[in-house]
Amino acid sequence: MSGTKDIEARLDRSLQNQLQAPRLDRRFDAAVWARIAREEATARGAVEAVPSRAVRASRWLTLVNTLGIAVTLGVALYFALGSFGGMGAPPLNVDLNVPMPTISDDTAERIVTVLGQALGAAALILGLSLTSFGRRVRASFS
C-alpha cells in the first residue's frame, strides 16, 4: 500500500517539475482588464448602433399611446366645452326623411348564414395561426 502512495507522490513531484507556469504579475492583470474593457466597448457600440426589436416596438407603442392620449383629450375637451361652455354641436343640414331600403326575410337569412360561416372560418384560421402548427405553416410560406 505504501509503495503505491510513494509512486504517486514521485509522479506528482515529477509532473510539478515538468509544468512550469509563468508568474503572473500586474502587467498580465492590466492586459486582461484592458482586453475586457475593449471587448465591452465594442459590444456596447454594436448594441447602440442597431436598436433591438423590443426597443423599436417600444418606440412605436409610445408613439401610438401618445397619439391616442392626445385624441382622447381633444375629444373630451370638445365635449366638455360643449357641455359647460354653452357651445353646441353644429346643426346638421341633412334631410333625414329618406326611406330605408327593405330586405326580404329570405335574403336576410341567407346573409346571416353566409356571414356567420365566414366569421367562423376566420376565427378558426386566426386561432390556428396562433398555435405552433400555425407558426410552422406561416414559416413555410415565407
C-alpha atoms as a PDB file:
ATOM      1  CA  MET A   1       0.000   0.000   0.000  1.00  0.00           C
ATOM      2  CA  SER A   2       2.705   2.476   0.961  1.00  0.00           C
ATOM      3  CA  GLY A   3       4.576   1.633  -2.249  1.00  0.00           C
ATOM      4  CA  THR A   4       1.609   2.808  -4.315  1.00  0.00           C
ATOM      5  CA  LYS A   5       1.438   6.067  -2.371  1.00  0.00           C
ATOM      6  CA  ASP A   6       5.189   6.551  -2.784  1.00  0.00           C
ATOM      7  CA  ILE A   7       4.918   6.050  -6.551  1.00  0.00           C
ATOM      8  CA  GLU A   8       2.022   8.502  -6.716  1.00  0.00           C
ATOM      9  CA  ALA A   9       3.983  11.081  -4.735  1.00  0.00           C
ATOM     10  CA  ARG A  10       7.010  10.742  -7.067  1.00  0.00           C
ATOM     11  CA  LEU A  11       4.766  11.020 -10.129  1.00  0.00           C
ATOM     12  CA  ASP A  12       3.126  14.129  -8.677  1.00  0.00           C
ATOM     13  CA  ARG A  13       6.520  15.769  -7.975  1.00  0.00           C
ATOM     14  CA  SER A  14       7.718  14.847 -11.444  1.00  0.00           C
ATOM     15  CA  LEU A  15       4.631  16.377 -13.011  1.00  0.00           C
ATOM     16  CA  GLN A  16       5.022  19.566 -10.959  1.00  0.00           C
ATOM     17  CA  ASN A  17       8.670  19.853 -12.056  1.00  0.00           C
ATOM     18  CA  GLN A  18       7.710  19.435 -15.730  1.00  0.00           C
ATOM     19  CA  LEU A  19       4.967  22.078 -15.615  1.00  0.00           C
ATOM     20  CA  GLN A  20       6.484  25.475 -15.082  1.00  0.00           C
ATOM     21  CA  ALA A  21       3.759  28.115 -15.206  1.00  0.00           C
ATOM     22  CA  PRO A  22       4.926  31.674 -15.687  1.00  0.00           C
ATOM     23  CA  ARG A  23       4.491  34.053 -12.783  1.00  0.00           C
ATOM     24  CA  LEU A  24       1.515  36.322 -13.280  1.00  0.00           C
ATOM     25  CA  ASP A  25       2.223  39.896 -12.312  1.00  0.00           C
ATOM     26  CA  ARG A  26       0.467  43.253 -12.569  1.00  0.00           C
ATOM     27  CA  ARG A  27       1.274  43.632 -16.266  1.00  0.00           C
ATOM     28  CA  PHE A  28      -0.731  40.490 -17.018  1.00  0.00           C
ATOM     29  CA  ASP A  29      -3.681  41.717 -14.925  1.00  0.00           C
ATOM     30  CA  ALA A  30      -3.587  45.097 -16.654  1.00  0.00           C
ATOM     31  CA  ALA A  31      -3.530  43.456 -20.083  1.00  0.00           C
ATOM     32  CA  VAL A  32      -6.503  41.233 -19.196  1.00  0.00           C
ATOM     33  CA  TRP A  33      -8.567  44.169 -17.876  1.00  0.00           C
ATOM     34  CA  ALA A  34      -7.678  46.266 -20.931  1.00  0.00           C
ATOM     35  CA  ARG A  35      -8.856  43.478 -23.228  1.00  0.00           C
ATOM     36  CA  ILE A  36     -12.109  43.099 -21.285  1.00  0.00           C
ATOM     37  CA  ALA A  37     -12.715  46.859 -21.478  1.00  0.00           C
ATOM     38  CA  ARG A  38     -12.046  46.836 -25.256  1.00  0.00           C
ATOM     39  CA  GLU A  39     -14.483  43.971 -25.826  1.00  0.00           C
ATOM     40  CA  GLU A  40     -17.170  45.605 -23.674  1.00  0.00           C
ATOM     41  CA  ALA A  41     -16.769  48.894 -25.539  1.00  0.00           C
ATOM     42  CA  THR A  42     -17.038  47.095 -28.871  1.00  0.00           C
ATOM     43  CA  ALA A  43     -20.112  45.158 -27.728  1.00  0.00           C
ATOM     44  CA  ARG A  44     -21.716  48.300 -26.276  1.00  0.00           C
ATOM     45  CA  GLY A  45     -21.083  50.203 -29.513  1.00  0.00           C
ATOM     46  CA  ALA A  46     -22.606  47.383 -31.585  1.00  0.00           C
ATOM     47  CA  VAL A  47     -25.675  47.241 -29.353  1.00  0.00           C
ATOM     48  CA  GLU A  48     -26.195  51.005 -29.503  1.00  0.00           C
ATOM     49  CA  ALA A  49     -25.767  51.089 -33.274  1.00  0.00           C
ATOM     50  CA  VAL A  50     -28.658  48.724 -34.019  1.00  0.00           C
ATOM     51  CA  PRO A  51     -31.684  49.064 -31.725  1.00  0.00           C
ATOM     52  CA  SER A  52     -33.247  45.785 -30.786  1.00  0.00           C
ATOM     53  CA  ARG A  53     -36.701  44.709 -31.884  1.00  0.00           C
ATOM     54  CA  ALA A  54     -38.056  45.356 -28.396  1.00  0.00           C
ATOM     55  CA  VAL A  55     -36.693  48.915 -28.407  1.00  0.00           C
ATOM     56  CA  ARG A  56     -38.232  49.650 -31.820  1.00  0.00           C
ATOM     57  CA  ALA A  57     -41.561  48.162 -30.706  1.00  0.00           C
ATOM     58  CA  SER A  58     -41.417  50.211 -27.517  1.00  0.00           C
ATOM     59  CA  ARG A  59     -40.901  53.391 -29.546  1.00  0.00           C
ATOM     60  CA  TRP A  60     -43.902  52.629 -31.750  1.00  0.00           C
ATOM     61  CA  LEU A  61     -46.018  51.778 -28.725  1.00  0.00           C
ATOM     62  CA  THR A  62     -45.062  55.075 -27.081  1.00  0.00           C
ATOM     63  CA  LEU A  63     -45.901  56.978 -30.254  1.00  0.00           C
ATOM     64  CA  VAL A  64     -49.291  55.292 -30.672  1.00  0.00           C
ATOM     65  CA  ASN A  65     -50.129  55.766 -26.979  1.00  0.00           C
ATOM     66  CA  THR A  66     -49.219  59.454 -27.152  1.00  0.00           C
ATOM     67  CA  LEU A  67     -51.374  59.895 -30.227  1.00  0.00           C
ATOM     68  CA  GLY A  68     -54.276  58.071 -28.560  1.00  0.00           C
ATOM     69  CA  ILE A  69     -53.994  60.180 -25.417  1.00  0.00           C
ATOM     70  CA  ALA A  70     -53.945  63.393 -27.485  1.00  0.00           C
ATOM     71  CA  VAL A  71     -57.040  62.370 -29.460  1.00  0.00           C
ATOM     72  CA  THR A  72     -58.869  61.306 -26.296  1.00  0.00           C
ATOM     73  CA  LEU A  73     -58.057  64.581 -24.556  1.00  0.00           C
ATOM     74  CA  GLY A  74     -59.128  66.538 -27.637  1.00  0.00           C
ATOM     75  CA  VAL A  75     -62.495  64.775 -27.846  1.00  0.00           C
ATOM     76  CA  ALA A  76     -63.051  65.099 -24.088  1.00  0.00           C
ATOM     77  CA  LEU A  77     -62.174  68.799 -24.237  1.00  0.00           C
ATOM     78  CA  TYR A  78     -64.519  69.342 -27.183  1.00  0.00           C
ATOM     79  CA  PHE A  79     -67.465  67.757 -25.378  1.00  0.00           C
ATOM     80  CA  ALA A  80     -66.614  69.394 -22.046  1.00  0.00           C
ATOM     81  CA  LEU A  81     -66.550  72.817 -23.688  1.00  0.00           C
ATOM     82  CA  GLY A  82     -69.805  71.993 -25.444  1.00  0.00           C
ATOM     83  CA  SER A  83     -71.482  70.943 -22.217  1.00  0.00           C
ATOM     84  CA  PHE A  84     -70.120  73.563 -19.846  1.00  0.00           C
ATOM     85  CA  GLY A  85     -69.311  76.431 -22.166  1.00  0.00           C
ATOM     86  CA  GLY A  86     -72.615  76.855 -23.924  1.00  0.00           C
ATOM     87  CA  MET A  87     -71.069  75.770 -27.217  1.00  0.00           C
ATOM     88  CA  GLY A  88     -73.354  73.417 -29.092  1.00  0.00           C
ATOM     89  CA  ALA A  89     -72.624  70.975 -31.854  1.00  0.00           C
ATOM     90  CA  PRO A  90     -73.096  72.470 -35.305  1.00  0.00           C
ATOM     91  CA  PRO A  91     -76.529  71.773 -36.781  1.00  0.00           C
ATOM     92  CA  LEU A  92     -76.791  69.031 -39.367  1.00  0.00           C
ATOM     93  CA  ASN A  93     -78.123  70.151 -42.727  1.00  0.00           C
ATOM     94  CA  VAL A  94     -79.154  66.691 -43.795  1.00  0.00           C
ATOM     95  CA  ASP A  95     -82.604  65.550 -44.830  1.00  0.00           C
ATOM     96  CA  LEU A  96     -83.294  62.542 -42.599  1.00  0.00           C
ATOM     97  CA  ASN A  97     -86.627  61.659 -44.230  1.00  0.00           C
ATOM     98  CA  VAL A  98     -85.053  59.101 -46.581  1.00  0.00           C
ATOM     99  CA  PRO A  99     -86.902  55.790 -46.766  1.00  0.00           C
ATOM    100  CA  MET A 100     -84.871  52.777 -45.680  1.00  0.00           C
ATOM    101  CA  PRO A 101     -84.438  50.009 -48.250  1.00  0.00           C
ATOM    102  CA  THR A 102     -86.350  46.848 -47.483  1.00  0.00           C
ATOM    103  CA  ILE A 103     -84.731  43.445 -47.394  1.00  0.00           C
ATOM    104  CA  SER A 104     -86.815  40.323 -47.539  1.00  0.00           C
ATOM    105  CA  ASP A 105     -86.618  37.827 -44.683  1.00  0.00           C
ATOM    106  CA  ASP A 106     -85.232  35.144 -47.011  1.00  0.00           C
ATOM    107  CA  THR A 107     -82.371  37.437 -48.146  1.00  0.00           C
ATOM    108  CA  ALA A 108     -81.585  38.461 -44.554  1.00  0.00           C
ATOM    109  CA  GLU A 109     -81.440  34.812 -43.505  1.00  0.00           C
ATOM    110  CA  ARG A 110     -79.011  33.965 -46.329  1.00  0.00           C
ATOM    111  CA  ILE A 111     -76.799  36.955 -45.472  1.00  0.00           C
ATOM    112  CA  VAL A 112     -76.670  35.978 -41.805  1.00  0.00           C
ATOM    113  CA  THR A 113     -75.859  32.360 -42.700  1.00  0.00           C
ATOM    114  CA  VAL A 114     -73.038  33.262 -45.102  1.00  0.00           C
ATOM    115  CA  LEU A 115     -71.560  35.918 -42.825  1.00  0.00           C
ATOM    116  CA  GLY A 116     -71.765  33.543 -39.860  1.00  0.00           C
ATOM    117  CA  GLN A 117     -69.848  30.865 -41.730  1.00  0.00           C
ATOM    118  CA  ALA A 118     -67.266  33.390 -42.962  1.00  0.00           C
ATOM    119  CA  LEU A 119     -66.790  34.754 -39.446  1.00  0.00           C
ATOM    120  CA  GLY A 120     -66.489  31.230 -38.040  1.00  0.00           C
ATOM    121  CA  ALA A 121     -63.893  30.291 -40.660  1.00  0.00           C
ATOM    122  CA  ALA A 122     -61.931  33.494 -39.982  1.00  0.00           C
ATOM    123  CA  ALA A 123     -61.990  32.807 -36.217  1.00  0.00           C
ATOM    124  CA  LEU A 124     -60.803  29.234 -36.790  1.00  0.00           C
ATOM    125  CA  ILE A 125     -57.950  30.373 -39.051  1.00  0.00           C
ATOM    126  CA  LEU A 126     -56.904  33.046 -36.550  1.00  0.00           C
ATOM    127  CA  GLY A 127     -56.997  30.556 -33.696  1.00  0.00           C
ATOM    128  CA  LEU A 128     -54.910  28.028 -35.622  1.00  0.00           C
ATOM    129  CA  SER A 129     -52.404  30.679 -36.686  1.00  0.00           C
ATOM    130  CA  LEU A 130     -51.605  31.383 -33.035  1.00  0.00           C
ATOM    131  CA  THR A 131     -50.592  27.770 -32.363  1.00  0.00           C
ATOM    132  CA  SER A 132     -47.219  26.170 -33.087  1.00  0.00           C
ATOM    133  CA  PHE A 133     -48.795  24.438 -36.089  1.00  0.00           C
ATOM    134  CA  GLY A 134     -49.900  27.796 -37.491  1.00  0.00           C
ATOM    135  CA  ARG A 135     -46.424  29.276 -36.983  1.00  0.00           C
ATOM    136  CA  ARG A 136     -44.898  26.377 -38.922  1.00  0.00           C
ATOM    137  CA  VAL A 137     -47.419  26.843 -41.743  1.00  0.00           C
ATOM    138  CA  ARG A 138     -46.715  30.597 -41.907  1.00  0.00           C
ATOM    139  CA  ALA A 139     -42.962  29.917 -41.890  1.00  0.00           C
ATOM    140  CA  SER A 140     -43.312  27.530 -44.818  1.00  0.00           C
ATOM    141  CA  PHE A 141     -44.965  30.287 -46.897  1.00  0.00           C
ATOM    142  CA  SER A 142     -42.301  32.891 -46.185  1.00  0.00           C
END
